[in-house]
Amino acid sequence: MEEEKEQSDNLENEKEEKVQESSDSTGSSQSSDKIKGRWWDISKEGELPVLEAKYDRIKDWKMDPKGYFLIKIYPETKEIGAGYCTFPDNKLRAEVRGKTALEIVNTIIREEMISSLQHAADMGIELFKAEIALKKGIKYVQDDPLEI
């Protein structure tokens, strides 16, 4: 546990050092050829394009042909459940249970219950929201924002 904290602290220090190295006295960003990484140094050539992040949950959403999941928290056992439903028959086929979003989403991927990157990313977000709700003892409703 202490080793993990030390590694995390070292990573934060490396990030802070990089920010300090890449800013001038006015705080504006300077182009740098090397970025100190945790495991590798990253090289960069020239200016990078900046892409505007945008997503419309209605217009951009695409149904995963493998199916969908119903997420639920179990406070009594401190677990998260993800019920796997196939589509278009809408049958509940299995439930993946675990303590963390990371172990559940990786089990879903390993068991090939998911086929799109968009769906996998969305599941990671939703499962992490469920994990936070479980740990903080707050209400979780799938696809709704957490009320923190």
Protein backbone atom coordinates (compact mmCIF):
# COMPACT_ATOMS: atom_id res chain seq x y z
CA MET A 1 0.00 0.00 0.00
CA GLU A 2 2.80 2.41 0.91
CA GLU A 3 4.66 1.48 -2.27
CA GLU A 4 1.55 2.39 -4.33
CA LYS A 5 1.31 5.76 -2.54
CA GLU A 6 5.01 6.40 -3.15
CA GLN A 7 4.61 5.56 -6.86
CA SER A 8 1.57 7.84 -7.07
CA ASP A 9 3.46 10.67 -5.32
CA ASN A 10 6.42 10.20 -7.69
CA LEU A 11 4.08 10.37 -10.70
CA GLU A 12 2.52 13.59 -9.38
CA ASN A 13 5.98 15.08 -8.83
CA GLU A 14 7.00 14.14 -12.39
CA LYS A 15 3.84 15.80 -13.74
CA GLU A 16 4.51 18.95 -11.71
CA GLU A 17 8.13 19.05 -12.91
CA LYS A 18 6.98 18.70 -16.52
CA VAL A 19 4.43 21.49 -16.13
CA GLN A 20 7.11 23.73 -14.65
CA GLU A 21 9.55 22.83 -17.45
CA SER A 22 7.00 23.51 -20.19
CA SER A 23 5.74 26.90 -18.98
CA ASP A 24 7.49 30.21 -19.32
CA SER A 25 7.22 33.08 -16.83
CA THR A 26 3.84 34.12 -18.29
CA GLY A 27 2.45 30.59 -17.87
CA SER A 28 2.05 30.02 -21.60
CA SER A 29 2.89 26.59 -22.92
CA GLN A 30 6.16 25.98 -24.76
CA SER A 31 6.83 23.24 -27.28
CA SER A 32 9.10 20.54 -25.81
CA ASP A 33 10.85 17.63 -27.52
CA LYS A 34 10.71 15.27 -24.51
CA ILE A 35 8.07 14.58 -21.90
CA LYS A 36 9.18 12.69 -18.80
CA GLY A 37 6.84 9.75 -18.44
CA ARG A 38 6.35 7.22 -15.68
CA TRP A 39 7.82 4.33 -17.66
CA TRP A 40 9.13 5.96 -20.85
CA ASP A 41 10.16 9.37 -22.04
CA ILE A 42 7.80 10.55 -24.75
CA SER A 43 9.09 12.46 -27.76
CA LYS A 44 7.07 15.15 -29.50
CA GLU A 45 7.71 16.79 -32.84
CA GLY A 46 6.31 20.25 -33.58
CA GLU A 47 2.92 21.58 -32.59
CA LEU A 48 0.16 19.09 -31.84
CA PRO A 49 -3.34 19.51 -33.21
CA VAL A 50 -5.92 20.32 -30.55
CA LEU A 51 -9.19 18.50 -31.13
CA GLU A 52 -12.40 19.88 -29.66
CA ALA A 53 -14.06 17.16 -27.60
CA LYS A 54 -17.78 16.84 -28.19
CA TYR A 55 -20.39 14.13 -27.87
CA ASP A 56 -24.17 14.14 -28.13
CA ARG A 57 -25.62 11.20 -26.16
CA ILE A 58 -28.60 11.04 -28.54
CA LYS A 59 -27.11 11.78 -31.99
CA ASP A 60 -23.75 10.01 -31.54
CA TRP A 61 -24.92 6.92 -29.64
CA LYS A 62 -24.88 3.60 -31.50
CA MET A 63 -26.33 0.35 -30.16
CA ASP A 64 -23.75 -2.36 -29.51
CA PRO A 65 -24.90 -5.43 -31.49
CA LYS A 66 -23.73 -7.67 -28.61
CA GLY A 67 -26.30 -6.13 -26.26
CA TYR A 68 -26.48 -3.84 -23.26
CA PHE A 69 -26.11 -3.82 -19.47
CA LEU A 70 -28.25 -2.98 -16.48
CA ILE A 71 -26.07 -1.67 -13.65
CA LYS A 72 -27.02 -1.98 -10.01
CA ILE A 73 -25.25 -1.57 -6.69
CA TYR A 74 -25.54 -4.02 -3.78
CA PRO A 75 -24.72 -2.05 -0.61
CA GLU A 76 -25.19 -5.09 1.65
CA THR A 77 -22.34 -6.98 -0.05
CA LYS A 78 -20.45 -3.87 -1.25
CA GLU A 79 -20.67 -5.10 -4.85
CA ILE A 80 -21.62 -3.72 -8.24
CA GLY A 81 -23.64 -5.81 -10.66
CA ALA A 82 -23.82 -5.49 -14.43
CA GLY A 83 -26.66 -7.54 -15.92
CA TYR A 84 -25.89 -8.54 -19.51
CA CYS A 85 -28.87 -8.38 -21.88
CA THR A 86 -28.86 -9.46 -25.51
CA PHE A 87 -30.54 -7.42 -28.20
CA PRO A 88 -33.05 -7.47 -29.90
CA ASP A 89 -34.62 -10.24 -27.77
CA ASN A 90 -33.98 -8.24 -24.53
CA LYS A 91 -33.10 -11.31 -22.48
CA LEU A 92 -31.01 -11.11 -19.32
CA ARG A 93 -28.20 -13.63 -19.96
CA ALA A 94 -25.73 -13.15 -17.08
CA GLU A 95 -24.69 -10.83 -14.29
CA VAL A 96 -21.10 -9.79 -13.72
CA ARG A 97 -20.48 -8.87 -10.07
CA GLY A 98 -17.45 -7.33 -8.49
CA LYS A 99 -16.10 -4.72 -6.09
CA THR A 100 -14.59 -2.31 -8.64
CA ALA A 101 -15.45 -0.83 -12.02
CA LEU A 102 -12.07 -1.91 -13.38
CA GLU A 103 -12.52 -5.61 -12.60
CA ILE A 104 -16.09 -5.65 -13.94
CA VAL A 105 -15.41 -3.85 -17.23
CA ASN A 106 -12.36 -6.02 -17.89
CA THR A 107 -14.39 -9.17 -17.20
CA ILE A 108 -17.07 -7.94 -19.64
CA ILE A 109 -14.40 -7.36 -22.30
CA ARG A 110 -12.64 -10.68 -21.63
CA GLU A 111 -15.95 -12.58 -21.83
CA GLU A 112 -16.71 -10.84 -25.16
CA MET A 113 -20.00 -9.38 -23.95
CA ILE A 114 -19.18 -6.07 -25.60
CA SER A 115 -18.08 -5.25 -29.15
CA SER A 116 -17.79 -1.49 -29.54
CA LEU A 117 -15.17 0.87 -28.12
CA GLN A 118 -17.87 3.47 -27.50
CA HIS A 119 -19.86 1.00 -25.40
CA ALA A 120 -16.75 -0.13 -23.49
CA ALA A 121 -15.89 3.50 -22.66
CA ASP A 122 -19.45 4.21 -21.57
CA MET A 123 -19.46 1.09 -19.38
CA GLY A 124 -16.22 2.20 -17.71
CA ILE A 125 -17.77 5.57 -16.89
CA GLU A 126 -21.07 4.13 -15.64
CA LEU A 127 -19.40 1.42 -13.57
CA PHE A 128 -17.08 3.96 -11.98
CA LYS A 129 -20.09 6.14 -11.11
CA ALA A 130 -21.65 3.06 -9.48
CA GLU A 131 -18.40 2.40 -7.58
CA ILE A 132 -18.31 5.98 -6.26
CA ALA A 133 -21.98 5.81 -5.25
CA LEU A 134 -21.38 2.53 -3.45
CA LYS A 135 -18.33 3.84 -1.57
CA LYS A 136 -19.99 7.15 -0.64
CA GLY A 137 -23.39 5.67 0.21
CA ILE A 138 -25.25 7.80 -2.33
CA LYS A 139 -28.05 6.92 -4.75
CA TYR A 140 -27.05 5.46 -8.12
CA VAL A 141 -29.33 5.60 -11.16
CA GLN A 142 -27.84 4.36 -14.42
CA ASP A 143 -27.28 7.13 -17.00
CA ASP A 144 -28.13 9.88 -14.49
CA PRO A 145 -25.51 12.18 -12.98
CA LEU A 146 -24.45 11.42 -9.42
CA GLU A 147 -25.87 13.84 -6.88
CA ILE A 148 -22.79 14.67 -4.86
